[in-house]
């Protein structure tokens, strides 16, 4: 799930808010969330 969301975020298909929801649903960890948003910037 992490790799899929990472690619989607880099292509602007997923927002930070949507990623936060995946963290709340335990689909990705908070650490993975941070890695995804940091890699794009």
PDB file of N, CA and C in Angstrom:
ATOM      1  N   UNK A   1       0.824  -1.188   0.000  1.00  0.00           N
ATOM      2  CA  UNK A   1       0.000   0.000   0.000  1.00  0.00           C
ATOM      3  C   UNK A   1       0.873   1.258   0.000  1.00  0.00           C
ATOM      4  N   UNK A   2       1.977   1.209   0.743  1.00  0.00           N
ATOM      5  CA  UNK A   2       2.890   2.360   0.828  1.00  0.00           C
ATOM      6  C   UNK A   2       3.399   2.775  -0.546  1.00  0.00           C
ATOM      7  N   UNK A   3       3.883   1.824  -1.312  1.00  0.00           N
ATOM      8  CA  UNK A   3       4.442   2.138  -2.634  1.00  0.00           C
ATOM      9  C   UNK A   3       3.379   2.717  -3.571  1.00  0.00           C
ATOM     10  N   UNK A   4       2.187   2.172  -3.508  1.00  0.00           N
ATOM     11  CA  UNK A   4       1.085   2.657  -4.354  1.00  0.00           C
ATOM     12  C   UNK A   4       0.756   4.102  -4.007  1.00  0.00           C
ATOM     13  N   UNK A   5       0.610   4.371  -2.714  1.00  0.00           N
ATOM     14  CA  UNK A   5       0.265   5.733  -2.283  1.00  0.00           C
ATOM     15  C   UNK A   5       1.390   6.716  -2.577  1.00  0.00           C
ATOM     16  N   UNK A   6       2.620   6.258  -2.445  1.00  0.00           N
ATOM     17  CA  UNK A   6       3.766   7.113  -2.730  1.00  0.00           C
ATOM     18  C   UNK A   6       3.748   7.562  -4.190  1.00  0.00           C
ATOM     19  N   UNK A   7       3.536   6.633  -5.075  1.00  0.00           N
ATOM     20  CA  UNK A   7       3.498   6.964  -6.501  1.00  0.00           C
ATOM     21  C   UNK A   7       2.308   7.869  -6.816  1.00  0.00           C
ATOM     22  N   UNK A   8       1.161   7.576  -6.238  1.00  0.00           N
ATOM     23  CA  UNK A   8      -0.026   8.396  -6.488  1.00  0.00           C
ATOM     24  C   UNK A   8       0.158   9.820  -5.973  1.00  0.00           C
ATOM     25  N   UNK A   9       0.814   9.960  -4.830  1.00  0.00           N
ATOM     26  CA  UNK A   9       1.058  11.296  -4.278  1.00  0.00           C
ATOM     27  C   UNK A   9       2.019  12.077  -5.179  1.00  0.00           C
ATOM     28  N   UNK A  10       3.046  11.414  -5.664  1.00  0.00           N
ATOM     29  CA  UNK A  10       4.012  12.073  -6.545  1.00  0.00           C
ATOM     30  C   UNK A  10       3.368  12.523  -7.848  1.00  0.00           C
ATOM     31  N   UNK A  11       2.314  11.844  -8.272  1.00  0.00           N
ATOM     32  CA  UNK A  11       1.592  12.215  -9.496  1.00  0.00           C
ATOM     33  C   UNK A  11       0.409  13.141  -9.216  1.00  0.00           C
ATOM     34  N   UNK A  12       0.290  13.585  -7.958  1.00  0.00           N
ATOM     35  CA  UNK A  12      -0.794  14.474  -7.523  1.00  0.00           C
ATOM     36  C   UNK A  12      -2.177  13.838  -7.624  1.00  0.00           C
ATOM     37  N   UNK A  13      -2.245  12.527  -7.497  1.00  0.00           N
ATOM     38  CA  UNK A  13      -3.538  11.829  -7.497  1.00  0.00           C
ATOM     39  C   UNK A  13      -4.104  11.725  -6.083  1.00  0.00           C
ATOM     40  N   UNK A  14      -3.227  11.916  -5.071  1.00  0.00           N
ATOM     41  CA  UNK A  14      -3.626  11.796  -3.668  1.00  0.00           C
ATOM     42  C   UNK A  14      -3.124  13.037  -2.929  1.00  0.00           C
ATOM     43  N   UNK A  15      -3.947  13.586  -2.035  1.00  0.00           N
ATOM     44  CA  UNK A  15      -3.557  14.771  -1.257  1.00  0.00           C
ATOM     45  C   UNK A  15      -2.984  14.358   0.103  1.00  0.00           C
ATOM     46  N   UNK A  16      -2.394  15.323   0.801  1.00  0.00           N
ATOM     47  CA  UNK A  16      -1.885  15.058   2.146  1.00  0.00           C
ATOM     48  C   UNK A  16      -3.017  14.643   3.074  1.00  0.00           C
ATOM     49  N   UNK A  17      -4.177  15.271   2.909  1.00  0.00           N
ATOM     50  CA  UNK A  17      -5.320  14.930   3.747  1.00  0.00           C
ATOM     51  C   UNK A  17      -5.744  13.477   3.536  1.00  0.00           C
ATOM     52  N   UNK A  18      -5.719  13.040   2.286  1.00  0.00           N
ATOM     53  CA  UNK A  18      -6.063  11.647   1.998  1.00  0.00           C
ATOM     54  C   UNK A  18      -5.031  10.702   2.600  1.00  0.00           C
ATOM     55  N   UNK A  19      -3.766  11.077   2.549  1.00  0.00           N
ATOM     56  CA  UNK A  19      -2.722  10.244   3.153  1.00  0.00           C
ATOM     57  C   UNK A  19      -2.921  10.148   4.659  1.00  0.00           C
ATOM     58  N   UNK A  20      -3.310  11.258   5.288  1.00  0.00           N
ATOM     59  CA  UNK A  20      -3.560  11.252   6.736  1.00  0.00           C
ATOM     60  C   UNK A  20      -4.695  10.284   7.074  1.00  0.00           C
ATOM     61  N   UNK A  21      -5.671  10.193   6.198  1.00  0.00           N
ATOM     62  CA  UNK A  21      -6.788   9.266   6.405  1.00  0.00           C
ATOM     63  C   UNK A  21      -6.287   7.817   6.355  1.00  0.00           C
ATOM     64  N   UNK A  22      -5.360   7.526   5.441  1.00  0.00           N
ATOM     65  CA  UNK A  22      -4.785   6.172   5.368  1.00  0.00           C
ATOM     66  C   UNK A  22      -4.019   5.844   6.650  1.00  0.00           C
ATOM     67  N   UNK A  23      -3.376   6.852   7.247  1.00  0.00           N
ATOM     68  CA  UNK A  23      -2.695   6.629   8.524  1.00  0.00           C
ATOM     69  C   UNK A  23      -3.733   6.294   9.595  1.00  0.00           C
ATOM     70  N   UNK A  24      -4.823   7.063   9.632  1.00  0.00           N
ATOM     71  CA  UNK A  24      -5.884   6.832  10.628  1.00  0.00           C
ATOM     72  C   UNK A  24      -6.494   5.439  10.476  1.00  0.00           C
ATOM     73  N   UNK A  25      -6.545   4.947   9.250  1.00  0.00           N
ATOM     74  CA  UNK A  25      -7.102   3.616   8.987  1.00  0.00           C
ATOM     75  C   UNK A  25      -6.065   2.494   9.140  1.00  0.00           C
ATOM     76  N   UNK A  26      -4.852   2.868   9.557  1.00  0.00           N
ATOM     77  CA  UNK A  26      -3.747   1.913   9.746  1.00  0.00           C
ATOM     78  C   UNK A  26      -3.333   1.204   8.463  1.00  0.00           C
ATOM     79  N   UNK A  27      -3.481   1.891   7.336  1.00  0.00           N
ATOM     80  CA  UNK A  27      -3.019   1.331   6.060  1.00  0.00           C
ATOM     81  C   UNK A  27      -1.541   1.643   5.845  1.00  0.00           C
ATOM     82  N   UNK A  28      -1.098   2.807   6.348  1.00  0.00           N
ATOM     83  CA  UNK A  28       0.320   3.163   6.355  1.00  0.00           C
ATOM     84  C   UNK A  28       0.636   3.736   7.733  1.00  0.00           C
ATOM     85  N   UNK A  29       1.922   3.759   8.084  1.00  0.00           N
ATOM     86  CA  UNK A  29       2.320   4.304   9.383  1.00  0.00           C
ATOM     87  C   UNK A  29       2.577   5.794   9.268  1.00  0.00           C
ATOM     88  N   UNK A  30       2.669   6.462  10.404  1.00  0.00           N
ATOM     89  CA  UNK A  30       2.986   7.889  10.427  1.00  0.00           C
ATOM     90  C   UNK A  30       4.362   8.121   9.796  1.00  0.00           C
ATOM     91  N   UNK A  31       5.288   7.221  10.038  1.00  0.00           N
ATOM     92  CA  UNK A  31       6.637   7.330   9.471  1.00  0.00           C
ATOM     93  C   UNK A  31       6.584   7.227   7.942  1.00  0.00           C
ATOM     94  N   UNK A  32       5.789   6.313   7.427  1.00  0.00           N
ATOM     95  CA  UNK A  32       5.651   6.181   5.974  1.00  0.00           C
ATOM     96  C   UNK A  32       5.014   7.442   5.388  1.00  0.00           C
ATOM     97  N   UNK A  33       4.035   8.003   6.086  1.00  0.00           N
ATOM     98  CA  UNK A  33       3.407   9.255   5.659  1.00  0.00           C
ATOM     99  C   UNK A  33       4.459  10.357   5.521  1.00  0.00           C
ATOM    100  N   UNK A  34       5.308  10.490   6.533  1.00  0.00           N
ATOM    101  CA  UNK A  34       6.363  11.505   6.500  1.00  0.00           C
ATOM    102  C   UNK A  34       7.310  11.272   5.324  1.00  0.00           C
ATOM    103  N   UNK A  35       7.677  10.024   5.087  1.00  0.00           N
ATOM    104  CA  UNK A  35       8.572   9.701   3.977  1.00  0.00           C
ATOM    105  C   UNK A  35       7.960  10.087   2.638  1.00  0.00           C
ATOM    106  N   UNK A  36       6.680   9.843   2.476  1.00  0.00           N
ATOM    107  CA  UNK A  36       5.996  10.163   1.208  1.00  0.00           C
ATOM    108  C   UNK A  36       6.004  11.656   0.957  1.00  0.00           C
ATOM    109  N   UNK A  37       5.617  12.448   1.964  1.00  0.00           N
ATOM    110  CA  UNK A  37       5.505  13.889   1.723  1.00  0.00           C
ATOM    111  C   UNK A  37       6.876  14.563   1.623  1.00  0.00           C
ATOM    112  N   UNK A  38       7.886  14.029   2.301  1.00  0.00           N
ATOM    113  CA  UNK A  38       9.226  14.621   2.238  1.00  0.00           C
ATOM    114  C   UNK A  38       9.904  14.364   0.899  1.00  0.00           C
ATOM    115  N   UNK A  39       9.653  13.217   0.314  1.00  0.00           N
ATOM    116  CA  UNK A  39      10.322  12.879  -0.950  1.00  0.00           C
ATOM    117  C   UNK A  39       9.879  13.771  -2.097  1.00  0.00           C
ATOM    118  N   UNK A  40       8.664  14.270  -2.027  1.00  0.00           N
ATOM    119  CA  UNK A  40       8.163  15.106  -3.121  1.00  0.00           C
ATOM    120  C   UNK A  40       8.722  16.514  -3.059  1.00  0.00           C
ATOM    121  N   UNK A  41       8.964  17.028  -1.853  1.00  0.00           N
ATOM    122  CA  UNK A  41       9.400  18.418  -1.676  1.00  0.00           C
ATOM    123  C   UNK A  41      10.843  18.638  -2.018  1.00  0.00           C
TER     124      UNK A  41
END
